[in-house]
Amino acid sequence: MWVGDGAGDADLLTIATIPQARRRKVASRLLTELMDTARRAGCRAVLLEVRASNAAAQSLYAAHGFTRIGLRRRYYQTPQEDAVVMRALLRPAPAPVGS
């Protein structure tokens, strides 16, 4: 994940699990932690691209508040495929206790 693009956004570049970890909520926990890290860093949103054919990943992202905001034609090369652009808006991190 890249945090701090100057616009208050974080970009999720890659998230993956090994086959043995699938269907065990590992990716969901990773995504939650990544979003919390971005929130604590002051980011207002997380953006990502995902293969148009990857319905499982799109469902995971949607369950975490991501919505489709665009399409990048021929974004992936091997094999060539479009990318769905998704964004999740983040709530501000809570203020530290006693502040």
N, C-alpha and C. Protein backbone atom coordinates (compact mmCIF):
# COMPACT_ATOMS: atom_id res chain seq x y z
N MET A 1 0.85 -1.17 0.00
CA MET A 1 0.00 0.00 0.00
C MET A 1 0.89 1.22 0.00
N TRP A 2 0.49 2.21 -0.76
CA TRP A 2 1.17 3.49 -0.80
C TRP A 2 0.28 4.48 -0.06
N VAL A 3 0.81 5.07 1.00
CA VAL A 3 0.06 6.05 1.77
C VAL A 3 0.70 7.40 1.54
N GLY A 4 -0.10 8.39 1.19
CA GLY A 4 0.41 9.74 1.08
C GLY A 4 0.72 10.14 -0.34
N ASP A 5 -0.30 10.23 -1.17
CA ASP A 5 -0.09 10.67 -2.54
C ASP A 5 -0.21 12.18 -2.68
N GLY A 6 -0.31 12.86 -1.56
CA GLY A 6 -0.43 14.31 -1.58
C GLY A 6 -1.86 14.79 -1.67
N ALA A 7 -2.77 13.90 -1.99
CA ALA A 7 -4.19 14.26 -2.12
C ALA A 7 -5.01 13.68 -0.98
N GLY A 8 -4.36 13.07 0.00
CA GLY A 8 -5.09 12.48 1.11
C GLY A 8 -5.60 11.09 0.85
N ASP A 9 -5.09 10.45 -0.20
CA ASP A 9 -5.53 9.11 -0.56
C ASP A 9 -4.41 8.10 -0.35
N ALA A 10 -4.81 6.86 -0.09
CA ALA A 10 -3.88 5.73 -0.08
C ALA A 10 -4.21 4.88 -1.29
N ASP A 11 -3.20 4.30 -1.90
CA ASP A 11 -3.40 3.41 -3.03
C ASP A 11 -3.01 1.99 -2.63
N LEU A 12 -3.96 1.08 -2.71
CA LEU A 12 -3.69 -0.33 -2.43
C LEU A 12 -3.15 -0.94 -3.72
N LEU A 13 -1.87 -1.29 -3.70
CA LEU A 13 -1.23 -1.79 -4.91
C LEU A 13 -1.41 -3.28 -5.09
N THR A 14 -1.22 -4.06 -4.03
CA THR A 14 -1.35 -5.51 -4.11
C THR A 14 -1.78 -6.07 -2.77
N ILE A 15 -2.69 -7.01 -2.80
CA ILE A 15 -3.04 -7.79 -1.62
C ILE A 15 -3.31 -9.21 -2.12
N ALA A 16 -2.72 -10.18 -1.47
CA ALA A 16 -2.88 -11.56 -1.91
C ALA A 16 -2.71 -12.49 -0.72
N THR A 17 -3.29 -13.66 -0.85
CA THR A 17 -3.11 -14.71 0.16
C THR A 17 -2.70 -15.99 -0.55
N ILE A 18 -2.00 -16.83 0.17
CA ILE A 18 -1.65 -18.13 -0.39
C ILE A 18 -2.91 -18.99 -0.45
N PRO A 19 -2.97 -19.95 -1.34
CA PRO A 19 -4.19 -20.75 -1.48
C PRO A 19 -4.68 -21.37 -0.17
N GLN A 20 -3.77 -21.80 0.69
CA GLN A 20 -4.18 -22.44 1.95
C GLN A 20 -4.87 -21.46 2.90
N ALA A 21 -4.70 -20.16 2.70
CA ALA A 21 -5.30 -19.16 3.58
C ALA A 21 -6.65 -18.68 3.08
N ARG A 22 -7.03 -19.08 1.90
CA ARG A 22 -8.29 -18.59 1.33
C ARG A 22 -9.48 -19.21 2.04
N ARG A 23 -10.55 -18.43 2.06
CA ARG A 23 -11.80 -18.81 2.74
C ARG A 23 -11.64 -18.88 4.25
N ARG A 24 -10.64 -18.21 4.79
CA ARG A 24 -10.42 -18.17 6.24
C ARG A 24 -10.43 -16.74 6.77
N LYS A 25 -10.91 -15.80 5.97
CA LYS A 25 -11.01 -14.39 6.35
C LYS A 25 -9.66 -13.70 6.49
N VAL A 26 -8.59 -14.32 5.99
CA VAL A 26 -7.26 -13.71 6.09
C VAL A 26 -7.21 -12.42 5.27
N ALA A 27 -7.69 -12.46 4.04
CA ALA A 27 -7.68 -11.26 3.20
C ALA A 27 -8.53 -10.16 3.81
N SER A 28 -9.65 -10.52 4.41
CA SER A 28 -10.51 -9.54 5.06
C SER A 28 -9.79 -8.86 6.22
N ARG A 29 -9.09 -9.65 7.03
CA ARG A 29 -8.34 -9.06 8.15
C ARG A 29 -7.19 -8.19 7.66
N LEU A 30 -6.50 -8.63 6.60
CA LEU A 30 -5.44 -7.81 6.02
C LEU A 30 -5.99 -6.48 5.52
N LEU A 31 -7.10 -6.53 4.82
CA LEU A 31 -7.70 -5.32 4.28
C LEU A 31 -8.14 -4.38 5.39
N THR A 32 -8.73 -4.92 6.44
CA THR A 32 -9.13 -4.10 7.59
C THR A 32 -7.92 -3.39 8.18
N GLU A 33 -6.83 -4.13 8.36
CA GLU A 33 -5.62 -3.53 8.94
C GLU A 33 -5.03 -2.46 8.01
N LEU A 34 -5.01 -2.73 6.72
CA LEU A 34 -4.50 -1.75 5.77
C LEU A 34 -5.33 -0.47 5.79
N MET A 35 -6.65 -0.62 5.86
CA MET A 35 -7.52 0.55 5.90
C MET A 35 -7.34 1.32 7.20
N ASP A 36 -7.16 0.61 8.31
CA ASP A 36 -6.90 1.27 9.59
C ASP A 36 -5.58 2.03 9.56
N THR A 37 -4.56 1.45 8.93
CA THR A 37 -3.26 2.11 8.80
C THR A 37 -3.41 3.40 7.99
N ALA A 38 -4.14 3.33 6.90
CA ALA A 38 -4.36 4.52 6.07
C ALA A 38 -5.12 5.59 6.86
N ARG A 39 -6.12 5.17 7.61
CA ARG A 39 -6.91 6.10 8.42
C ARG A 39 -6.01 6.80 9.44
N ARG A 40 -5.20 6.03 10.14
CA ARG A 40 -4.30 6.62 11.15
C ARG A 40 -3.28 7.56 10.51
N ALA A 41 -2.93 7.32 9.26
CA ALA A 41 -1.98 8.18 8.55
C ALA A 41 -2.65 9.45 8.04
N GLY A 42 -3.95 9.58 8.28
CA GLY A 42 -4.67 10.79 7.87
C GLY A 42 -5.27 10.73 6.49
N CYS A 43 -5.28 9.56 5.87
CA CYS A 43 -5.87 9.43 4.54
C CYS A 43 -7.39 9.51 4.62
N ARG A 44 -7.98 10.06 3.59
CA ARG A 44 -9.43 10.19 3.53
C ARG A 44 -10.08 9.09 2.69
N ALA A 45 -9.26 8.40 1.88
CA ALA A 45 -9.81 7.36 1.00
C ALA A 45 -8.71 6.37 0.64
N VAL A 46 -9.15 5.17 0.26
CA VAL A 46 -8.25 4.15 -0.30
C VAL A 46 -8.76 3.83 -1.69
N LEU A 47 -7.85 3.82 -2.65
CA LEU A 47 -8.18 3.49 -4.03
C LEU A 47 -7.44 2.24 -4.46
N LEU A 48 -8.02 1.50 -5.42
CA LEU A 48 -7.38 0.29 -5.93
C LEU A 48 -7.90 -0.01 -7.33
N GLU A 49 -7.15 -0.85 -8.03
CA GLU A 49 -7.59 -1.43 -9.29
C GLU A 49 -7.66 -2.94 -9.11
N VAL A 50 -8.65 -3.55 -9.73
CA VAL A 50 -8.82 -5.00 -9.65
C VAL A 50 -9.28 -5.49 -11.03
N ARG A 51 -8.81 -6.68 -11.39
CA ARG A 51 -9.22 -7.24 -12.69
C ARG A 51 -10.74 -7.30 -12.79
N ALA A 52 -11.25 -6.94 -13.95
CA ALA A 52 -12.70 -6.96 -14.17
C ALA A 52 -13.26 -8.37 -13.97
N SER A 53 -12.46 -9.40 -14.22
CA SER A 53 -12.94 -10.78 -14.09
C SER A 53 -12.85 -11.31 -12.66
N ASN A 54 -12.25 -10.57 -11.75
CA ASN A 54 -12.02 -11.07 -10.39
C ASN A 54 -13.21 -10.71 -9.49
N ALA A 55 -14.30 -11.44 -9.67
CA ALA A 55 -15.52 -11.17 -8.91
C ALA A 55 -15.33 -11.39 -7.41
N ALA A 56 -14.53 -12.38 -7.02
CA ALA A 56 -14.31 -12.65 -5.60
C ALA A 56 -13.64 -11.46 -4.92
N ALA A 57 -12.62 -10.90 -5.54
CA ALA A 57 -11.94 -9.74 -4.96
C ALA A 57 -12.87 -8.54 -4.93
N GLN A 58 -13.64 -8.33 -5.98
CA GLN A 58 -14.57 -7.20 -6.00
C GLN A 58 -15.60 -7.33 -4.88
N SER A 59 -16.05 -8.53 -4.61
CA SER A 59 -17.00 -8.76 -3.51
C SER A 59 -16.35 -8.47 -2.16
N LEU A 60 -15.10 -8.90 -1.99
CA LEU A 60 -14.37 -8.60 -0.75
C LEU A 60 -14.27 -7.09 -0.56
N TYR A 61 -13.86 -6.38 -1.61
CA TYR A 61 -13.71 -4.93 -1.49
C TYR A 61 -15.05 -4.26 -1.20
N ALA A 62 -16.10 -4.69 -1.86
CA ALA A 62 -17.43 -4.11 -1.62
C ALA A 62 -17.86 -4.32 -0.18
N ALA A 63 -17.55 -5.48 0.39
CA ALA A 63 -17.91 -5.76 1.78
C ALA A 63 -17.17 -4.84 2.75
N HIS A 64 -16.08 -4.24 2.29
CA HIS A 64 -15.30 -3.31 3.11
C HIS A 64 -15.56 -1.85 2.74
N GLY A 65 -16.63 -1.61 2.01
CA GLY A 65 -17.04 -0.24 1.72
C GLY A 65 -16.53 0.35 0.42
N PHE A 66 -15.87 -0.45 -0.41
CA PHE A 66 -15.39 0.06 -1.69
C PHE A 66 -16.54 0.10 -2.69
N THR A 67 -16.54 1.14 -3.51
CA THR A 67 -17.50 1.25 -4.60
C THR A 67 -16.75 1.46 -5.90
N ARG A 68 -17.36 1.04 -6.97
CA ARG A 68 -16.76 1.18 -8.30
C ARG A 68 -16.85 2.64 -8.72
N ILE A 69 -15.71 3.21 -9.14
CA ILE A 69 -15.72 4.61 -9.58
C ILE A 69 -15.22 4.78 -11.01
N GLY A 70 -14.77 3.70 -11.63
CA GLY A 70 -14.28 3.83 -13.00
C GLY A 70 -13.79 2.53 -13.57
N LEU A 71 -13.31 2.62 -14.80
CA LEU A 71 -12.79 1.46 -15.51
C LEU A 71 -11.56 1.91 -16.30
N ARG A 72 -10.48 1.17 -16.20
CA ARG A 72 -9.27 1.45 -16.98
C ARG A 72 -9.17 0.36 -18.05
N ARG A 73 -9.36 0.76 -19.28
CA ARG A 73 -9.34 -0.18 -20.40
C ARG A 73 -7.94 -0.73 -20.62
N ARG A 74 -7.86 -2.05 -20.84
CA ARG A 74 -6.59 -2.74 -21.15
C ARG A 74 -5.49 -2.41 -20.15
N TYR A 75 -5.83 -2.30 -18.88
CA TYR A 75 -4.88 -1.94 -17.82
C TYR A 75 -3.89 -3.07 -17.56
N TYR A 76 -4.37 -4.29 -17.53
CA TYR A 76 -3.51 -5.46 -17.31
C TYR A 76 -3.05 -6.00 -18.65
N GLN A 77 -1.82 -6.52 -18.68
CA GLN A 77 -1.24 -6.95 -19.95
C GLN A 77 -1.22 -8.45 -20.18
N THR A 78 -1.01 -9.25 -19.13
CA THR A 78 -0.86 -10.70 -19.34
C THR A 78 -1.80 -11.47 -18.44
N PRO A 79 -2.96 -11.87 -18.86
CA PRO A 79 -3.55 -11.54 -20.15
C PRO A 79 -4.14 -10.13 -20.12
N GLN A 80 -4.33 -9.58 -21.29
CA GLN A 80 -4.87 -8.22 -21.38
C GLN A 80 -6.30 -8.19 -20.84
N GLU A 81 -6.54 -7.22 -19.97
CA GLU A 81 -7.86 -7.14 -19.33
C GLU A 81 -8.06 -5.74 -18.76
N ASP A 82 -9.33 -5.36 -18.64
CA ASP A 82 -9.67 -4.08 -18.03
C ASP A 82 -9.53 -4.17 -16.51
N ALA A 83 -9.34 -3.01 -15.89
CA ALA A 83 -9.30 -2.92 -14.43
C ALA A 83 -10.49 -2.10 -13.97
N VAL A 84 -11.15 -2.59 -12.94
CA VAL A 84 -12.20 -1.83 -12.26
C VAL A 84 -11.50 -0.99 -11.19
N VAL A 85 -11.78 0.31 -11.18
CA VAL A 85 -11.22 1.20 -10.18
C VAL A 85 -12.25 1.33 -9.06
N MET A 86 -11.79 1.12 -7.82
CA MET A 86 -12.69 1.17 -6.67
C MET A 86 -12.11 2.11 -5.61
N ARG A 87 -13.02 2.69 -4.82
CA ARG A 87 -12.60 3.61 -3.76
C ARG A 87 -13.45 3.37 -2.52
N ALA A 88 -12.80 3.46 -1.36
CA ALA A 88 -13.50 3.45 -0.07
C ALA A 88 -13.15 4.74 0.65
N LEU A 89 -14.18 5.46 1.08
CA LEU A 89 -13.96 6.65 1.89
C LEU A 89 -13.73 6.22 3.33
N LEU A 90 -12.79 6.87 4.00
CA LEU A 90 -12.44 6.51 5.37
C LEU A 90 -12.98 7.56 6.34
N ARG A 91 -13.49 7.08 7.46
CA ARG A 91 -13.87 8.00 8.54
C ARG A 91 -12.58 8.45 9.21
N PRO A 92 -12.54 9.68 9.72
CA PRO A 92 -11.33 10.12 10.42
C PRO A 92 -11.03 9.21 11.61
N ALA A 93 -9.75 9.05 11.91
CA ALA A 93 -9.35 8.26 13.08
C ALA A 93 -9.82 8.97 14.34
N PRO A 94 -10.24 8.22 15.36
CA PRO A 94 -10.68 8.87 16.60
C PRO A 94 -9.52 9.62 17.25
N ALA A 95 -9.85 10.71 17.92
CA ALA A 95 -8.83 11.49 18.63
C ALA A 95 -8.30 10.67 19.80
N PRO A 96 -7.01 10.82 20.12
CA PRO A 96 -6.45 10.10 21.27
C PRO A 96 -7.20 10.46 22.55
N VAL A 97 -7.29 9.51 23.45
CA VAL A 97 -7.96 9.73 24.73
C VAL A 97 -7.24 10.84 25.48
N GLY A 98 -8.01 11.79 26.02
CA GLY A 98 -7.44 12.88 26.79
C GLY A 98 -7.08 14.10 25.96
N SER A 99 -7.40 14.08 24.67
CA SER A 99 -7.06 15.26 23.85
C SER A 99 -8.23 16.20 23.73
